[in-house]
PDB file of N, CA and C in Angstrom:
ATOM      1  N   MET A   1      16.614  10.966  -4.826  1.00  0.00           N
ATOM      2  CA  MET A   1      17.173   9.723  -5.312  1.00  0.00           C
ATOM      3  C   MET A   1      17.262   9.788  -6.779  1.00  0.00           C
ATOM      4  N   ALA A   2      18.191   9.007  -7.379  1.00  0.00           N
ATOM      5  CA  ALA A   2      18.304   8.962  -8.841  1.00  0.00           C
ATOM      6  C   ALA A   2      17.149   8.215  -9.382  1.00  0.00           C
ATOM      7  N   ASP A   3      16.716   8.732 -10.635  1.00  0.00           N
ATOM      8  CA  ASP A   3      15.671   8.037 -11.353  1.00  0.00           C
ATOM      9  C   ASP A   3      16.143   6.735 -11.824  1.00  0.00           C
ATOM     10  N   PRO A   4      15.467   5.650 -11.404  1.00  0.00           N
ATOM     11  CA  PRO A   4      15.926   4.312 -11.892  1.00  0.00           C
ATOM     12  C   PRO A   4      15.512   4.052 -13.362  1.00  0.00           C
ATOM     13  N   GLY A   5      14.760   4.908 -13.966  1.00  0.00           N
ATOM     14  CA  GLY A   5      14.420   4.824 -15.392  1.00  0.00           C
ATOM     15  C   GLY A   5      13.365   3.752 -15.677  1.00  0.00           C
ATOM     16  N   ALA A   6      12.630   3.315 -14.743  1.00  0.00           N
ATOM     17  CA  ALA A   6      11.657   2.368 -14.862  1.00  0.00           C
ATOM     18  C   ALA A   6      10.387   2.899 -15.548  1.00  0.00           C
ATOM     19  N   ARG A   7      10.170   4.201 -15.371  1.00  0.00           N
ATOM     20  CA  ARG A   7       8.942   4.756 -15.873  1.00  0.00           C
ATOM     21  C   ARG A   7       9.259   6.037 -16.752  1.00  0.00           C
ATOM     22  N   SER A   8       8.674   6.054 -17.904  1.00  0.00           N
ATOM     23  CA  SER A   8       8.956   7.160 -18.744  1.00  0.00           C
ATOM     24  C   SER A   8       8.429   8.494 -18.244  1.00  0.00           C
ATOM     25  N   ASP A   9       7.339   8.444 -17.395  1.00  0.00           N
ATOM     26  CA  ASP A   9       6.751   9.634 -16.815  1.00  0.00           C
ATOM     27  C   ASP A   9       7.385  10.047 -15.527  1.00  0.00           C
ATOM     28  N   GLN A  10       8.354   9.337 -15.097  1.00  0.00           N
ATOM     29  CA  GLN A  10       9.076   9.523 -13.848  1.00  0.00           C
ATOM     30  C   GLN A  10       8.088   9.740 -12.637  1.00  0.00           C
ATOM     31  N   ASP A  11       6.913   9.054 -12.678  1.00  0.00           N
ATOM     32  CA  ASP A  11       5.987   9.133 -11.590  1.00  0.00           C
ATOM     33  C   ASP A  11       6.067   7.895 -10.777  1.00  0.00           C
ATOM     34  N   TYR A  12       6.601   8.025  -9.628  1.00  0.00           N
ATOM     35  CA  TYR A  12       6.826   6.866  -8.631  1.00  0.00           C
ATOM     36  C   TYR A  12       5.964   7.170  -7.425  1.00  0.00           C
ATOM     37  N   PRO A  13       4.872   6.399  -7.252  1.00  0.00           N
ATOM     38  CA  PRO A  13       4.040   6.641  -6.165  1.00  0.00           C
ATOM     39  C   PRO A  13       4.637   6.301  -4.816  1.00  0.00           C
ATOM     40  N   ILE A  14       4.430   7.130  -3.850  1.00  0.00           N
ATOM     41  CA  ILE A  14       4.837   6.801  -2.407  1.00  0.00           C
ATOM     42  C   ILE A  14       3.726   6.408  -1.579  1.00  0.00           C
ATOM     43  N   THR A  15       2.523   6.675  -2.060  1.00  0.00           N
ATOM     44  CA  THR A  15       1.284   6.103  -1.314  1.00  0.00           C
ATOM     45  C   THR A  15       0.353   5.721  -2.356  1.00  0.00           C
ATOM     46  N   TRP A  16      -0.338   4.569  -2.135  1.00  0.00           N
ATOM     47  CA  TRP A  16      -1.374   4.119  -3.095  1.00  0.00           C
ATOM     48  C   TRP A  16      -2.397   3.265  -2.314  1.00  0.00           C
ATOM     49  N   VAL A  17      -3.604   3.257  -2.911  1.00  0.00           N
ATOM     50  CA  VAL A  17      -4.655   2.349  -2.386  1.00  0.00           C
ATOM     51  C   VAL A  17      -5.084   1.424  -3.552  1.00  0.00           C
ATOM     52  N   ARG A  18      -5.669   0.295  -3.140  1.00  0.00           N
ATOM     53  CA  ARG A  18      -6.308  -0.642  -4.057  1.00  0.00           C
ATOM     54  C   ARG A  18      -7.157  -1.551  -3.349  1.00  0.00           C
ATOM     55  N   THR A  19      -8.036  -2.168  -4.124  1.00  0.00           N
ATOM     56  CA  THR A  19      -8.997  -3.209  -3.518  1.00  0.00           C
ATOM     57  C   THR A  19      -8.262  -4.528  -3.777  1.00  0.00           C
ATOM     58  N   TRP A  20      -8.547  -5.489  -2.912  1.00  0.00           N
ATOM     59  CA  TRP A  20      -7.936  -6.811  -2.990  1.00  0.00           C
ATOM     60  C   TRP A  20      -9.001  -7.743  -2.504  1.00  0.00           C
ATOM     61  N   GLY A  21      -9.557  -8.478  -3.429  1.00  0.00           N
ATOM     62  CA  GLY A  21     -10.723  -9.357  -3.073  1.00  0.00           C
ATOM     63  C   GLY A  21     -11.820  -8.510  -2.486  1.00  0.00           C
ATOM     64  N   LYS A  22     -12.279  -8.811  -1.308  1.00  0.00           N
ATOM     65  CA  LYS A  22     -13.333  -8.075  -0.688  1.00  0.00           C
ATOM     66  C   LYS A  22     -12.778  -6.977   0.315  1.00  0.00           C
ATOM     67  N   GLY A  23     -11.402  -6.849   0.259  1.00  0.00           N
ATOM     68  CA  GLY A  23     -10.798  -5.887   1.191  1.00  0.00           C
ATOM     69  C   GLY A  23     -10.194  -4.762   0.406  1.00  0.00           C
ATOM     70  N   CYS A  24      -9.552  -3.876   1.244  1.00  0.00           N
ATOM     71  CA  CYS A  24      -8.911  -2.691   0.751  1.00  0.00           C
ATOM     72  C   CYS A  24      -7.484  -2.603   1.238  1.00  0.00           C
ATOM     73  N   VAL A  25      -6.550  -2.013   0.520  1.00  0.00           N
ATOM     74  CA  VAL A  25      -5.114  -2.010   0.883  1.00  0.00           C
ATOM     75  C   VAL A  25      -4.700  -0.559   0.791  1.00  0.00           C
ATOM     76  N   LEU A  26      -3.864  -0.177   1.730  1.00  0.00           N
ATOM     77  CA  LEU A  26      -3.184   1.121   1.726  1.00  0.00           C
ATOM     78  C   LEU A  26      -1.704   0.872   1.873  1.00  0.00           C
ATOM     79  N   TYR A  27      -0.923   1.483   0.990  1.00  0.00           N
ATOM     80  CA  TYR A  27       0.575   1.417   1.094  1.00  0.00           C
ATOM     81  C   TYR A  27       1.057   2.797   1.223  1.00  0.00           C
ATOM     82  N   CYS A  28       1.910   3.077   2.191  1.00  0.00           N
ATOM     83  CA  CYS A  28       2.530   4.382   2.368  1.00  0.00           C
ATOM     84  C   CYS A  28       4.002   4.200   2.780  1.00  0.00           C
ATOM     85  N   SER A  29       4.979   4.785   1.995  1.00  0.00           N
ATOM     86  CA  SER A  29       6.344   4.661   2.290  1.00  0.00           C
ATOM     87  C   SER A  29       6.902   5.830   3.125  1.00  0.00           C
ATOM     88  N   LEU A  30       5.944   6.712   3.494  1.00  0.00           N
ATOM     89  CA  LEU A  30       6.358   7.891   4.254  1.00  0.00           C
ATOM     90  C   LEU A  30       6.444   7.524   5.708  1.00  0.00           C
ATOM     91  N   GLY A  31       7.097   8.330   6.552  1.00  0.00           N
ATOM     92  CA  GLY A  31       7.141   8.161   8.010  1.00  0.00           C
ATOM     93  C   GLY A  31       8.335   7.588   8.512  1.00  0.00           C
ATOM     94  N   HIS A  32       9.458   7.693   7.875  1.00  0.00           N
ATOM     95  CA  HIS A  32      10.704   7.129   8.377  1.00  0.00           C
ATOM     96  C   HIS A  32      11.279   7.912   9.570  1.00  0.00           C
ATOM     97  N   ALA A  33      11.014   9.224   9.665  1.00  0.00           N
ATOM     98  CA  ALA A  33      11.521   9.965  10.777  1.00  0.00           C
ATOM     99  C   ALA A  33      10.484  10.124  11.865  1.00  0.00           C
ATOM    100  N   PRO A  34      10.784   9.977  13.108  1.00  0.00           N
ATOM    101  CA  PRO A  34       9.747  10.110  14.113  1.00  0.00           C
ATOM    102  C   PRO A  34       8.986  11.487  14.133  1.00  0.00           C
ATOM    103  N   ALA A  35       9.669  12.548  13.776  1.00  0.00           N
ATOM    104  CA  ALA A  35       8.969  13.886  13.671  1.00  0.00           C
ATOM    105  C   ALA A  35       7.796  13.806  12.729  1.00  0.00           C
ATOM    106  N   THR A  36       7.809  12.928  11.747  1.00  0.00           N
ATOM    107  CA  THR A  36       6.764  12.949  10.774  1.00  0.00           C
ATOM    108  C   THR A  36       5.350  12.627  11.404  1.00  0.00           C
ATOM    109  N   TYR A  37       5.413  11.832  12.429  1.00  0.00           N
ATOM    110  CA  TYR A  37       4.135  11.526  13.112  1.00  0.00           C
ATOM    111  C   TYR A  37       3.545  12.618  13.971  1.00  0.00           C
ATOM    112  N   TRP A  38       4.180  13.746  14.001  1.00  0.00           N
ATOM    113  CA  TRP A  38       3.630  14.919  14.691  1.00  0.00           C
ATOM    114  C   TRP A  38       3.146  15.955  13.654  1.00  0.00           C
ATOM    115  N   ASN A  39       3.245  15.635  12.370  1.00  0.00           N
ATOM    116  CA  ASN A  39       2.771  16.521  11.324  1.00  0.00           C
ATOM    117  C   ASN A  39       1.362  16.306  11.045  1.00  0.00           C
ATOM    118  N   PRO A  40       0.470  17.334  11.289  1.00  0.00           N
ATOM    119  CA  PRO A  40      -0.968  17.259  11.081  1.00  0.00           C
ATOM    120  C   PRO A  40      -1.362  16.788   9.748  1.00  0.00           C
ATOM    121  N   LEU A  41      -0.664  17.270   8.629  1.00  0.00           N
ATOM    122  CA  LEU A  41      -1.012  16.824   7.246  1.00  0.00           C
ATOM    123  C   LEU A  41      -0.709  15.365   7.093  1.00  0.00           C
ATOM    124  N   PHE A  42       0.349  14.859   7.630  1.00  0.00           N
ATOM    125  CA  PHE A  42       0.695  13.442   7.530  1.00  0.00           C
ATOM    126  C   PHE A  42      -0.336  12.638   8.344  1.00  0.00           C
ATOM    127  N   LEU A  43      -0.764  13.116   9.507  1.00  0.00           N
ATOM    128  CA  LEU A  43      -1.701  12.368  10.274  1.00  0.00           C
ATOM    129  C   LEU A  43      -3.052  12.310   9.557  1.00  0.00           C
ATOM    130  N   GLU A  44      -3.455  13.417   8.891  1.00  0.00           N
ATOM    131  CA  GLU A  44      -4.764  13.359   8.115  1.00  0.00           C
ATOM    132  C   GLU A  44      -4.595  12.323   6.970  1.00  0.00           C
ATOM    133  N   HIS A  45      -3.443  12.301   6.326  1.00  0.00           N
ATOM    134  CA  HIS A  45      -3.212  11.372   5.248  1.00  0.00           C
ATOM    135  C   HIS A  45      -3.318   9.938   5.758  1.00  0.00           C
ATOM    136  N   VAL A  46      -2.721   9.659   6.832  1.00  0.00           N
ATOM    137  CA  VAL A  46      -2.824   8.317   7.397  1.00  0.00           C
ATOM    138  C   VAL A  46      -4.199   7.935   7.882  1.00  0.00           C
ATOM    139  N   LEU A  47      -4.896   8.919   8.450  1.00  0.00           N
ATOM    140  CA  LEU A  47      -6.286   8.656   8.877  1.00  0.00           C
ATOM    141  C   LEU A  47      -7.172   8.367   7.679  1.00  0.00           C
ATOM    142  N   ALA A  48      -6.981   9.117   6.601  1.00  0.00           N
ATOM    143  CA  ALA A  48      -7.832   8.906   5.420  1.00  0.00           C
ATOM    144  C   ALA A  48      -7.514   7.439   4.835  1.00  0.00           C
ATOM    145  N   GLY A  49      -6.300   7.051   4.877  1.00  0.00           N
ATOM    146  CA  GLY A  49      -5.906   5.687   4.436  1.00  0.00           C
ATOM    147  C   GLY A  49      -6.540   4.604   5.276  1.00  0.00           C
ATOM    148  N   ILE A  50      -6.575   4.818   6.542  1.00  0.00           N
ATOM    149  CA  ILE A  50      -7.204   3.920   7.547  1.00  0.00           C
ATOM    150  C   ILE A  50      -8.718   3.860   7.193  1.00  0.00           C
ATOM    151  N   GLN A  51      -9.313   5.020   7.068  1.00  0.00           N
ATOM    152  CA  GLN A  51     -10.706   5.075   6.808  1.00  0.00           C
ATOM    153  C   GLN A  51     -11.081   4.287   5.486  1.00  0.00           C
ATOM    154  N   PHE A  52     -10.186   4.504   4.508  1.00  0.00           N
ATOM    155  CA  PHE A  52     -10.364   3.759   3.212  1.00  0.00           C
ATOM    156  C   PHE A  52     -10.369   2.236   3.461  1.00  0.00           C
ATOM    157  N   ALA A  53      -9.259   1.804   4.145  1.00  0.00           N
ATOM    158  CA  ALA A  53      -9.035   0.414   4.429  1.00  0.00           C
ATOM    159  C   ALA A  53     -10.156  -0.237   5.225  1.00  0.00           C
ATOM    160  N   CYS A  54     -10.844   0.587   6.069  1.00  0.00           N
ATOM    161  CA  CYS A  54     -11.953   0.097   6.884  1.00  0.00           C
ATOM    162  C   CYS A  54     -13.296   0.199   6.152  1.00  0.00           C
ATOM    163  N   GLY A  55     -13.252   0.796   4.981  1.00  0.00           N
ATOM    164  CA  GLY A  55     -14.456   0.968   4.203  1.00  0.00           C
ATOM    165  C   GLY A  55     -15.400   2.223   4.561  1.00  0.00           C
ATOM    166  N   ASP A  56     -14.781   3.079   5.379  1.00  0.00           N
ATOM    167  CA  ASP A  56     -15.472   4.293   5.783  1.00  0.00           C
ATOM    168  C   ASP A  56     -15.294   5.465   4.903  1.00  0.00           C
ATOM    169  N   LEU A  57     -14.410   5.353   3.884  1.00  0.00           N
ATOM    170  CA  LEU A  57     -14.108   6.449   3.047  1.00  0.00           C
ATOM    171  C   LEU A  57     -13.953   5.855   1.600  1.00  0.00           C
ATOM    172  N   GLN A  58     -14.748   6.462   0.623  1.00  0.00           N
ATOM    173  CA  GLN A  58     -14.686   5.908  -0.715  1.00  0.00           C
ATOM    174  C   GLN A  58     -13.584   6.623  -1.403  1.00  0.00           C
ATOM    175  N   ALA A  59     -12.833   5.843  -2.300  1.00  0.00           N
ATOM    176  CA  ALA A  59     -11.727   6.431  -3.064  1.00  0.00           C
ATOM    177  C   ALA A  59     -11.639   5.675  -4.380  1.00  0.00           C
ATOM    178  N   ASP A  60     -11.146   6.305  -5.426  1.00  0.00           N
ATOM    179  CA  ASP A  60     -10.838   5.634  -6.722  1.00  0.00           C
ATOM    180  C   ASP A  60      -9.585   4.790  -6.519  1.00  0.00           C
ATOM    181  N   ALA A  61      -9.772   3.514  -6.554  1.00  0.00           N
ATOM    182  CA  ALA A  61      -8.549   2.638  -6.339  1.00  0.00           C
ATOM    183  C   ALA A  61      -8.252   1.899  -7.699  1.00  0.00           C
ATOM    184  N   ALA A  62      -8.730   2.424  -8.811  1.00  0.00           N
ATOM    185  CA  ALA A  62      -8.484   1.815 -10.104  1.00  0.00           C
ATOM    186  C   ALA A  62      -7.008   2.076 -10.469  1.00  0.00           C
ATOM    187  N   PRO A  63      -6.348   1.038 -10.972  1.00  0.00           N
ATOM    188  CA  PRO A  63      -4.939   1.209 -11.524  1.00  0.00           C
ATOM    189  C   PRO A  63      -4.870   2.300 -12.575  1.00  0.00           C
ATOM    190  N   ARG A  64      -3.755   2.989 -12.631  1.00  0.00           N
ATOM    191  CA  ARG A  64      -3.551   4.033 -13.657  1.00  0.00           C
ATOM    192  C   ARG A  64      -2.268   3.808 -14.332  1.00  0.00           C
TER     193      ARG A  64
END
């Protein structure tokens, strides 16, 4: 995709986590193709996000 020019570092996250109140949030824009859900690395990624959102996995969710 063309760079929209919104960031000087051209760093556009496709997955991120953050805390929200007493909860946790995971956003992931990957997974548009059905084959993605058979990829072991993607499944590990999603599992880690779910574990973070459930409070079972600690992660640095500080904004950068």
